[in-house]
Amino acid sequence: MANRTRGIDILVDILQYCDTKTQTDIIAGLTPILEQERRPDLLSELRKQIILFEDLAYANQAGVQMLLKYVTIKDLAVALIGAPESVVKNIAAAMSNNMFNDLKAEATLRKNVSQSEISLAKERIINEVKGLMKENRLYIDKPDSNKIY
């Protein structure tokens, strides 16, 4: 029997090339449709395969420390605007006191940041995350998932 590509696999492949905001918007748009169709299994499978900025809440500390070497404080400060507290806490836990103070200082400079700037900063960070994941230097252990990325 020939290998068949499932629709979910095609969607994941497409989403891998989208920016973070587009990925989030598509998943958010699919959520009520799949819930209405009583197919939460598809939504769960999709979420397991896509890495979003919010998933950094579940990243290992050594991986986050490595990530901090590759991202700028400016990108981090911008990306954390409006981020879930769990993401902020996980990243802060991987920082030295001096680096955390630098981040707070940078955040105070970033008062009027557009949503597109936030999305671009998140995208740059996620690109670094994906690179570190390919090198097995960072992993994400989502609690609603049976697999570690």
Protein backbone atom coordinates (compact mmCIF):
# COMPACT_ATOMS: atom_id res chain seq x y z
CA MET A 1 0.00 0.00 0.00
CA ALA A 2 1.41 3.40 -0.97
CA ASN A 3 2.17 5.99 1.70
CA ARG A 4 -0.63 8.55 1.80
CA THR A 5 -0.10 12.07 3.01
CA ARG A 6 -2.76 13.12 5.44
CA GLY A 7 -4.35 16.58 5.28
CA ILE A 8 -3.01 17.44 8.73
CA ASP A 9 0.55 16.69 7.57
CA ILE A 10 0.11 18.99 4.56
CA LEU A 11 -1.24 21.76 6.81
CA VAL A 12 1.70 21.38 9.21
CA ASP A 13 4.12 21.61 6.27
CA ILE A 14 2.44 24.80 5.08
CA LEU A 15 2.32 26.34 8.56
CA GLN A 16 6.05 25.74 9.05
CA TYR A 17 6.64 28.41 6.39
CA CYS A 18 4.20 30.94 7.88
CA ASP A 19 5.06 33.64 10.36
CA THR A 20 4.06 33.13 13.97
CA LYS A 21 1.04 35.44 13.82
CA THR A 22 -0.34 33.59 10.79
CA GLN A 23 0.18 30.23 12.52
CA THR A 24 -1.60 31.48 15.63
CA ASP A 25 -4.45 33.00 13.61
CA ILE A 26 -4.97 29.82 11.58
CA ILE A 27 -4.99 27.62 14.68
CA ALA A 28 -7.36 30.05 16.42
CA GLY A 29 -9.62 30.04 13.37
CA LEU A 30 -9.66 26.26 13.15
CA THR A 31 -10.38 25.76 16.85
CA PRO A 32 -14.13 26.53 16.83
CA ILE A 33 -14.63 24.70 13.52
CA LEU A 34 -12.94 21.52 14.76
CA GLU A 35 -14.73 21.74 18.10
CA GLN A 36 -18.07 22.13 16.31
CA GLU A 37 -17.23 19.14 14.12
CA ARG A 38 -16.25 17.25 17.29
CA ARG A 39 -12.70 16.72 16.02
CA PRO A 40 -10.52 18.01 18.88
CA ASP A 41 -8.11 15.19 18.03
CA LEU A 42 -7.12 17.01 14.82
CA LEU A 43 -6.59 20.28 16.67
CA SER A 44 -4.51 18.52 19.30
CA GLU A 45 -2.40 16.80 16.65
CA LEU A 46 -1.85 20.10 14.83
CA ARG A 47 -0.82 21.89 18.04
CA LYS A 48 1.63 19.11 18.87
CA GLN A 49 3.48 19.66 15.62
CA ILE A 50 3.63 23.48 15.53
CA ILE A 51 5.99 25.43 17.78
CA LEU A 52 4.64 28.80 18.93
CA PHE A 53 6.30 31.47 21.06
CA GLU A 54 3.99 30.53 23.94
CA ASP A 55 5.55 27.06 23.94
CA LEU A 56 8.72 28.55 25.43
CA ALA A 57 6.96 28.16 28.77
CA TYR A 58 7.77 24.43 28.40
CA ALA A 59 11.33 24.71 27.12
CA ASN A 60 14.15 23.16 29.10
CA GLN A 61 16.30 25.58 31.09
CA ALA A 62 19.59 24.61 29.43
CA GLY A 63 17.96 25.17 26.05
CA VAL A 64 16.61 28.58 27.09
CA GLN A 65 20.06 29.56 28.35
CA MET A 66 21.49 28.58 24.97
CA LEU A 67 18.73 30.52 23.21
CA LEU A 68 19.60 33.64 25.19
CA LYS A 69 23.05 33.58 23.61
CA TYR A 70 21.52 33.85 20.13
CA VAL A 71 18.78 36.45 20.57
CA THR A 72 19.08 40.15 21.29
CA ILE A 73 17.78 41.73 24.47
CA LYS A 74 15.74 44.10 22.27
CA ASP A 75 14.01 41.20 20.47
CA LEU A 76 13.38 39.47 23.76
CA ALA A 77 11.93 42.60 25.39
CA VAL A 78 9.65 43.23 22.43
CA ALA A 79 8.58 39.58 22.06
CA LEU A 80 7.65 39.36 25.74
CA ILE A 81 5.16 42.23 25.47
CA GLY A 82 1.82 40.63 26.25
CA ALA A 83 3.37 37.15 26.54
CA PRO A 84 1.89 34.70 29.03
CA GLU A 85 3.39 34.89 32.49
CA SER A 86 4.56 31.28 32.21
CA VAL A 87 6.78 32.21 29.23
CA VAL A 88 8.22 35.22 31.04
CA LYS A 89 8.92 33.14 34.16
CA ASN A 90 10.65 30.34 32.25
CA ILE A 91 12.87 32.77 30.35
CA ALA A 92 13.63 34.84 33.46
CA ALA A 93 14.60 31.69 35.37
CA ALA A 94 17.32 31.02 32.79
CA MET A 95 18.84 34.51 33.11
CA SER A 96 21.46 35.92 35.39
CA ASN A 97 20.41 38.85 37.59
CA ASN A 98 22.40 41.24 35.40
CA MET A 99 20.79 39.98 32.21
CA PHE A 100 17.33 40.17 33.79
CA ASN A 101 18.01 43.77 34.83
CA ASP A 102 19.12 44.54 31.26
CA LEU A 103 15.89 43.01 29.98
CA LYS A 104 13.78 45.09 32.37
CA ALA A 105 15.64 48.25 31.32
CA GLU A 106 15.11 47.42 27.64
CA ALA A 107 11.43 46.72 28.27
CA THR A 108 10.96 50.18 29.77
CA LEU A 109 12.31 51.68 26.54
CA ARG A 110 9.77 49.75 24.45
CA LYS A 111 6.54 51.54 25.34
CA ASN A 112 4.90 52.07 21.94
CA VAL A 113 5.62 48.91 19.98
CA SER A 114 3.36 47.84 17.12
CA GLN A 115 1.86 44.38 16.91
CA SER A 116 3.87 43.73 13.74
CA GLU A 117 7.12 44.52 15.59
CA ILE A 118 6.12 42.08 18.34
CA SER A 119 5.31 39.41 15.74
CA LEU A 120 8.64 39.91 13.96
CA ALA A 121 10.59 39.68 17.22
CA LYS A 122 8.74 36.46 18.15
CA GLU A 123 9.42 35.07 14.69
CA ARG A 124 13.16 35.75 14.96
CA ILE A 125 13.24 34.04 18.35
CA ILE A 126 11.23 31.03 17.14
CA ASN A 127 13.61 30.66 14.18
CA GLU A 128 16.47 30.37 16.70
CA VAL A 129 14.40 27.93 18.77
CA LYS A 130 13.84 25.71 15.74
CA GLY A 131 17.56 25.74 14.95
CA LEU A 132 18.45 24.76 18.51
CA MET A 133 15.80 22.04 18.44
CA LYS A 134 17.29 20.58 15.26
CA GLU A 135 20.63 20.47 17.05
CA ASN A 136 18.97 18.82 20.08
CA ARG A 137 20.10 21.68 22.29
CA LEU A 138 16.60 22.82 23.20
CA TYR A 139 13.45 20.80 23.64
CA ILE A 140 9.86 21.62 24.46
CA ASP A 141 7.85 19.28 26.66
CA LYS A 142 4.23 20.36 26.25
CA PRO A 143 2.03 19.03 29.05
CA ASP A 144 -0.82 18.25 26.65
CA SER A 145 1.41 16.19 24.43
CA ASN A 146 2.80 12.67 24.48
CA LYS A 147 5.94 13.71 22.71
CA ILE A 148 8.85 15.98 23.38
CA TYR A 149 9.94 18.27 20.57
